[in-house]
Amino acid sequence: MKTMKLEIVTPAGVIYDGDIKQVTLPGEQGEFGVLPEHASLVSLLNAGVIDIETQGGKSVLVAINSGYVKIDENKALCIVDGAVALNDEEGEITSNIEAAKDLLKSAEVSSSTLAAAVNKLDSVGR
Protein backbone atom coordinates (compact mmCIF):
# COMPACT_ATOMS: atom_id res chain seq x y z
CA MET A 1 0.00 0.00 0.00
CA LYS A 2 1.21 3.49 -0.82
CA THR A 3 1.94 5.93 1.99
CA MET A 4 2.58 9.62 2.34
CA LYS A 5 4.49 11.77 4.82
CA LEU A 6 2.52 13.84 7.35
CA GLU A 7 3.97 16.59 9.52
CA ILE A 8 1.99 18.58 12.08
CA VAL A 9 3.94 21.58 13.36
CA THR A 10 3.09 24.14 16.06
CA PRO A 11 5.10 27.15 17.28
CA ALA A 12 6.25 24.86 20.12
CA GLY A 13 7.57 22.19 17.76
CA VAL A 14 6.64 19.09 15.80
CA ILE A 15 3.57 17.22 17.11
CA TYR A 16 3.53 14.44 14.50
CA ASP A 17 5.99 13.32 11.83
CA GLY A 18 5.55 10.00 10.07
CA ASP A 19 4.40 7.96 7.10
CA ILE A 20 0.64 7.41 6.92
CA LYS A 21 -2.00 5.65 4.84
CA GLN A 22 -4.49 8.52 5.04
CA VAL A 23 -5.53 11.56 7.05
CA THR A 24 -8.86 13.29 7.67
CA LEU A 25 -8.57 17.03 8.27
CA PRO A 26 -11.03 19.62 9.68
CA GLY A 27 -11.17 22.00 6.72
CA GLU A 28 -12.94 25.32 6.65
CA GLN A 29 -15.68 23.85 4.43
CA GLY A 30 -15.91 20.61 6.45
CA GLU A 31 -13.83 17.50 6.97
CA PHE A 32 -11.91 16.09 4.03
CA GLY A 33 -9.71 13.08 3.52
CA VAL A 34 -6.29 12.90 1.92
CA LEU A 35 -4.67 9.78 0.45
CA PRO A 36 -1.22 9.31 -1.10
CA GLU A 37 -0.91 10.93 -4.56
CA HIS A 38 -3.61 13.52 -3.73
CA ALA A 39 -3.72 16.60 -5.93
CA SER A 40 -1.73 19.55 -4.59
CA LEU A 41 -3.69 22.10 -2.58
CA VAL A 42 -3.55 24.56 0.30
CA SER A 43 -6.48 24.82 2.71
CA LEU A 44 -7.37 26.58 5.94
CA LEU A 45 -8.02 24.33 8.91
CA ASN A 46 -10.68 24.97 11.53
CA ALA A 47 -10.59 23.86 15.11
CA GLY A 48 -11.23 20.15 15.22
CA VAL A 49 -9.59 16.76 15.22
CA ILE A 50 -7.08 15.44 12.69
CA ASP A 51 -7.63 11.68 12.29
CA ILE A 52 -4.50 9.87 11.10
CA GLU A 53 -4.32 6.26 9.90
CA THR A 54 -0.71 5.23 10.37
CA GLN A 55 1.27 2.90 8.15
CA GLY A 56 0.58 0.12 10.67
CA GLY A 57 -3.19 0.72 10.58
CA LYS A 58 -3.36 2.44 13.98
CA SER A 59 -5.57 5.52 14.40
CA VAL A 60 -3.98 8.62 15.94
CA LEU A 61 -6.01 11.73 16.80
CA VAL A 62 -4.61 15.25 17.09
CA ALA A 63 -6.83 18.10 18.31
CA ILE A 64 -6.01 21.49 16.75
CA ASN A 65 -7.36 24.99 17.19
CA SER A 66 -6.61 26.48 13.73
CA GLY A 67 -4.05 26.56 10.96
CA TYR A 68 -3.53 25.53 7.39
CA VAL A 69 -2.40 22.50 5.41
CA LYS A 70 -0.25 22.28 2.29
CA ILE A 71 -0.69 19.03 0.40
CA ASP A 72 1.56 17.65 -2.32
CA GLU A 73 1.36 14.22 -3.94
CA ASN A 74 3.56 12.59 -1.30
CA LYS A 75 3.41 14.94 1.71
CA ALA A 76 0.95 16.86 3.87
CA LEU A 77 2.29 19.68 6.05
CA CYS A 78 -0.03 21.09 8.71
CA ILE A 79 0.98 24.37 10.35
CA VAL A 80 -1.26 24.95 13.38
CA ASP A 81 -1.48 27.41 16.27
CA GLY A 82 -1.96 24.77 18.93
CA ALA A 83 -2.30 21.00 19.03
CA VAL A 84 -2.68 18.14 21.48
CA ALA A 85 -1.82 14.63 20.32
CA LEU A 86 -3.87 11.87 21.86
CA ASN A 87 -1.94 8.71 22.50
CA ASP A 88 -2.68 5.51 24.33
CA GLU A 89 0.24 5.61 26.72
CA GLU A 90 -0.94 4.44 30.10
CA GLY A 91 -2.20 7.23 32.33
CA GLU A 92 -1.87 9.97 29.71
CA ILE A 93 -4.96 9.48 27.56
CA THR A 94 -7.39 11.06 30.08
CA SER A 95 -5.24 14.14 30.68
CA ASN A 96 -4.60 14.48 26.94
CA ILE A 97 -8.33 14.32 26.19
CA GLU A 98 -9.00 17.06 28.77
CA ALA A 99 -6.17 19.21 27.35
CA ALA A 100 -7.55 18.69 23.83
CA LYS A 101 -11.07 19.73 24.95
CA ASP A 102 -9.65 22.86 26.59
CA LEU A 103 -7.75 23.70 23.39
CA LEU A 104 -10.89 23.31 21.27
CA LYS A 105 -13.00 25.36 23.67
CA SER A 106 -10.47 28.20 23.56
CA ALA A 107 -10.80 28.42 19.76
CA GLU A 108 -13.45 30.72 18.39
CA VAL A 109 -15.66 28.23 16.55
CA SER A 110 -19.36 27.58 16.17
CA SER A 111 -21.03 25.47 18.81
CA SER A 112 -21.81 22.71 16.29
CA THR A 113 -18.14 22.46 15.23
CA LEU A 114 -17.07 22.37 18.87
CA ALA A 115 -19.68 19.73 19.73
CA ALA A 116 -18.59 17.47 16.84
CA ALA A 117 -14.91 17.70 17.81
CA VAL A 118 -15.56 17.12 21.52
CA ASN A 119 -17.81 14.15 20.66
CA LYS A 120 -14.96 12.62 18.64
CA LEU A 121 -12.62 13.09 21.61
CA ASP A 122 -15.14 11.56 24.01
CA SER A 123 -15.37 8.44 21.86
CA VAL A 124 -11.63 7.91 22.30
CA GLY A 125 -11.87 7.95 26.08
CA ARG A 126 -14.41 5.11 26.15
C-alpha atoms as a PDB file:
ATOM      1  CA  MET A   1       0.000   0.000   0.000  1.00  0.00           C
ATOM      2  CA  LYS A   2       1.205   3.492  -0.818  1.00  0.00           C
ATOM      3  CA  THR A   3       1.945   5.927   1.988  1.00  0.00           C
ATOM      4  CA  MET A   4       2.583   9.619   2.341  1.00  0.00           C
ATOM      5  CA  LYS A   5       4.489  11.773   4.818  1.00  0.00           C
ATOM      6  CA  LEU A   6       2.522  13.836   7.354  1.00  0.00           C
ATOM      7  CA  GLU A   7       3.969  16.594   9.520  1.00  0.00           C
ATOM      8  CA  ILE A   8       1.989  18.582  12.084  1.00  0.00           C
ATOM      9  CA  VAL A   9       3.935  21.583  13.364  1.00  0.00           C
ATOM     10  CA  THR A  10       3.085  24.145  16.059  1.00  0.00           C
ATOM     11  CA  PRO A  11       5.095  27.149  17.279  1.00  0.00           C
ATOM     12  CA  ALA A  12       6.254  24.865  20.122  1.00  0.00           C
ATOM     13  CA  GLY A  13       7.571  22.188  17.761  1.00  0.00           C
ATOM     14  CA  VAL A  14       6.639  19.088  15.801  1.00  0.00           C
ATOM     15  CA  ILE A  15       3.572  17.216  17.109  1.00  0.00           C
ATOM     16  CA  TYR A  16       3.529  14.441  14.497  1.00  0.00           C
ATOM     17  CA  ASP A  17       5.992  13.325  11.826  1.00  0.00           C
ATOM     18  CA  GLY A  18       5.554  10.005  10.070  1.00  0.00           C
ATOM     19  CA  ASP A  19       4.405   7.965   7.102  1.00  0.00           C
ATOM     20  CA  ILE A  20       0.644   7.415   6.919  1.00  0.00           C
ATOM     21  CA  LYS A  21      -2.000   5.654   4.841  1.00  0.00           C
ATOM     22  CA  GLN A  22      -4.495   8.519   5.036  1.00  0.00           C
ATOM     23  CA  VAL A  23      -5.530  11.558   7.050  1.00  0.00           C
ATOM     24  CA  THR A  24      -8.864  13.291   7.668  1.00  0.00           C
ATOM     25  CA  LEU A  25      -8.573  17.027   8.266  1.00  0.00           C
ATOM     26  CA  PRO A  26     -11.034  19.617   9.683  1.00  0.00           C
ATOM     27  CA  GLY A  27     -11.168  22.003   6.719  1.00  0.00           C
ATOM     28  CA  GLU A  28     -12.938  25.320   6.650  1.00  0.00           C
ATOM     29  CA  GLN A  29     -15.684  23.850   4.430  1.00  0.00           C
ATOM     30  CA  GLY A  30     -15.907  20.609   6.446  1.00  0.00           C
ATOM     31  CA  GLU A  31     -13.825  17.500   6.974  1.00  0.00           C
ATOM     32  CA  PHE A  32     -11.911  16.091   4.026  1.00  0.00           C
ATOM     33  CA  GLY A  33      -9.706  13.076   3.518  1.00  0.00           C
ATOM     34  CA  VAL A  34      -6.289  12.898   1.918  1.00  0.00           C
ATOM     35  CA  LEU A  35      -4.671   9.785   0.455  1.00  0.00           C
ATOM     36  CA  PRO A  36      -1.222   9.311  -1.100  1.00  0.00           C
ATOM     37  CA  GLU A  37      -0.912  10.934  -4.564  1.00  0.00           C
ATOM     38  CA  HIS A  38      -3.609  13.516  -3.727  1.00  0.00           C
ATOM     39  CA  ALA A  39      -3.721  16.597  -5.931  1.00  0.00           C
ATOM     40  CA  SER A  40      -1.735  19.545  -4.593  1.00  0.00           C
ATOM     41  CA  LEU A  41      -3.690  22.102  -2.577  1.00  0.00           C
ATOM     42  CA  VAL A  42      -3.545  24.561   0.303  1.00  0.00           C
ATOM     43  CA  SER A  43      -6.478  24.816   2.710  1.00  0.00           C
ATOM     44  CA  LEU A  44      -7.373  26.583   5.937  1.00  0.00           C
ATOM     45  CA  LEU A  45      -8.023  24.328   8.907  1.00  0.00           C
ATOM     46  CA  ASN A  46     -10.679  24.972  11.530  1.00  0.00           C
ATOM     47  CA  ALA A  47     -10.587  23.856  15.113  1.00  0.00           C
ATOM     48  CA  GLY A  48     -11.231  20.146  15.221  1.00  0.00           C
ATOM     49  CA  VAL A  49      -9.589  16.760  15.215  1.00  0.00           C
ATOM     50  CA  ILE A  50      -7.082  15.439  12.692  1.00  0.00           C
ATOM     51  CA  ASP A  51      -7.635  11.685  12.291  1.00  0.00           C
ATOM     52  CA  ILE A  52      -4.502   9.875  11.102  1.00  0.00           C
ATOM     53  CA  GLU A  53      -4.322   6.265   9.902  1.00  0.00           C
ATOM     54  CA  THR A  54      -0.706   5.232  10.370  1.00  0.00           C
ATOM     55  CA  GLN A  55       1.268   2.903   8.148  1.00  0.00           C
ATOM     56  CA  GLY A  56       0.579   0.119  10.667  1.00  0.00           C
ATOM     57  CA  GLY A  57      -3.190   0.720  10.576  1.00  0.00           C
ATOM     58  CA  LYS A  58      -3.356   2.440  13.978  1.00  0.00           C
ATOM     59  CA  SER A  59      -5.565   5.518  14.398  1.00  0.00           C
ATOM     60  CA  VAL A  60      -3.977   8.622  15.942  1.00  0.00           C
ATOM     61  CA  LEU A  61      -6.007  11.729  16.798  1.00  0.00           C
ATOM     62  CA  VAL A  62      -4.609  15.249  17.094  1.00  0.00           C
ATOM     63  CA  ALA A  63      -6.834  18.102  18.307  1.00  0.00           C
ATOM     64  CA  ILE A  64      -6.008  21.486  16.745  1.00  0.00           C
ATOM     65  CA  ASN A  65      -7.359  24.993  17.185  1.00  0.00           C
ATOM     66  CA  SER A  66      -6.608  26.480  13.731  1.00  0.00           C
ATOM     67  CA  GLY A  67      -4.053  26.563  10.955  1.00  0.00           C
ATOM     68  CA  TYR A  68      -3.530  25.525   7.386  1.00  0.00           C
ATOM     69  CA  VAL A  69      -2.401  22.496   5.409  1.00  0.00           C
ATOM     70  CA  LYS A  70      -0.251  22.283   2.288  1.00  0.00           C
ATOM     71  CA  ILE A  71      -0.687  19.026   0.398  1.00  0.00           C
ATOM     72  CA  ASP A  72       1.562  17.654  -2.316  1.00  0.00           C
ATOM     73  CA  GLU A  73       1.356  14.225  -3.938  1.00  0.00           C
ATOM     74  CA  ASN A  74       3.560  12.585  -1.297  1.00  0.00           C
ATOM     75  CA  LYS A  75       3.408  14.936   1.708  1.00  0.00           C
ATOM     76  CA  ALA A  76       0.954  16.860   3.866  1.00  0.00           C
ATOM     77  CA  LEU A  77       2.291  19.677   6.048  1.00  0.00           C
ATOM     78  CA  CYS A  78      -0.034  21.091   8.715  1.00  0.00           C
ATOM     79  CA  ILE A  79       0.984  24.370  10.353  1.00  0.00           C
ATOM     80  CA  VAL A  80      -1.262  24.952  13.376  1.00  0.00           C
ATOM     81  CA  ASP A  81      -1.484  27.411  16.268  1.00  0.00           C
ATOM     82  CA  GLY A  82      -1.960  24.772  18.927  1.00  0.00           C
ATOM     83  CA  ALA A  83      -2.304  20.998  19.032  1.00  0.00           C
ATOM     84  CA  VAL A  84      -2.675  18.142  21.479  1.00  0.00           C
ATOM     85  CA  ALA A  85      -1.824  14.627  20.317  1.00  0.00           C
ATOM     86  CA  LEU A  86      -3.872  11.866  21.860  1.00  0.00           C
ATOM     87  CA  ASN A  87      -1.938   8.707  22.500  1.00  0.00           C
ATOM     88  CA  ASP A  88      -2.684   5.507  24.335  1.00  0.00           C
ATOM     89  CA  GLU A  89       0.243   5.605  26.719  1.00  0.00           C
ATOM     90  CA  GLU A  90      -0.942   4.441  30.101  1.00  0.00           C
ATOM     91  CA  GLY A  91      -2.204   7.232  32.327  1.00  0.00           C
ATOM     92  CA  GLU A  92      -1.868   9.966  29.715  1.00  0.00           C
ATOM     93  CA  ILE A  93      -4.965   9.484  27.558  1.00  0.00           C
ATOM     94  CA  THR A  94      -7.387  11.057  30.084  1.00  0.00           C
ATOM     95  CA  SER A  95      -5.237  14.145  30.678  1.00  0.00           C
ATOM     96  CA  ASN A  96      -4.597  14.478  26.940  1.00  0.00           C
ATOM     97  CA  ILE A  97      -8.330  14.325  26.187  1.00  0.00           C
ATOM     98  CA  GLU A  98      -9.002  17.056  28.769  1.00  0.00           C
ATOM     99  CA  ALA A  99      -6.173  19.206  27.352  1.00  0.00           C
ATOM    100  CA  ALA A 100      -7.554  18.691  23.830  1.00  0.00           C
ATOM    101  CA  LYS A 101     -11.065  19.725  24.947  1.00  0.00           C
ATOM    102  CA  ASP A 102      -9.651  22.858  26.585  1.00  0.00           C
ATOM    103  CA  LEU A 103      -7.746  23.698  23.387  1.00  0.00           C
ATOM    104  CA  LEU A 104     -10.886  23.310  21.269  1.00  0.00           C
ATOM    105  CA  LYS A 105     -13.000  25.359  23.667  1.00  0.00           C
ATOM    106  CA  SER A 106     -10.469  28.197  23.562  1.00  0.00           C
ATOM    107  CA  ALA A 107     -10.796  28.423  19.760  1.00  0.00           C
ATOM    108  CA  GLU A 108     -13.453  30.721  18.388  1.00  0.00           C
ATOM    109  CA  VAL A 109     -15.655  28.233  16.549  1.00  0.00           C
ATOM    110  CA  SER A 110     -19.357  27.581  16.168  1.00  0.00           C
ATOM    111  CA  SER A 111     -21.029  25.470  18.809  1.00  0.00           C
ATOM    112  CA  SER A 112     -21.814  22.709  16.293  1.00  0.00           C
ATOM    113  CA  THR A 113     -18.143  22.465  15.234  1.00  0.00           C
ATOM    114  CA  LEU A 114     -17.075  22.369  18.874  1.00  0.00           C
ATOM    115  CA  ALA A 115     -19.679  19.726  19.727  1.00  0.00           C
ATOM    116  CA  ALA A 116     -18.590  17.473  16.844  1.00  0.00           C
ATOM    117  CA  ALA A 117     -14.915  17.703  17.814  1.00  0.00           C
ATOM    118  CA  VAL A 118     -15.564  17.120  21.524  1.00  0.00           C
ATOM    119  CA  ASN A 119     -17.808  14.154  20.656  1.00  0.00           C
ATOM    120  CA  LYS A 120     -14.964  12.622  18.638  1.00  0.00           C
ATOM    121  CA  LEU A 121     -12.616  13.094  21.607  1.00  0.00           C
ATOM    122  CA  ASP A 122     -15.143  11.565  24.014  1.00  0.00           C
ATOM    123  CA  SER A 123     -15.371   8.443  21.856  1.00  0.00           C
ATOM    124  CA  VAL A 124     -11.627   7.910  22.304  1.00  0.00           C
ATOM    125  CA  GLY A 125     -11.869   7.953  26.082  1.00  0.00           C
ATOM    126  CA  ARG A 126     -14.408   5.113  26.150  1.00  0.00           C
END
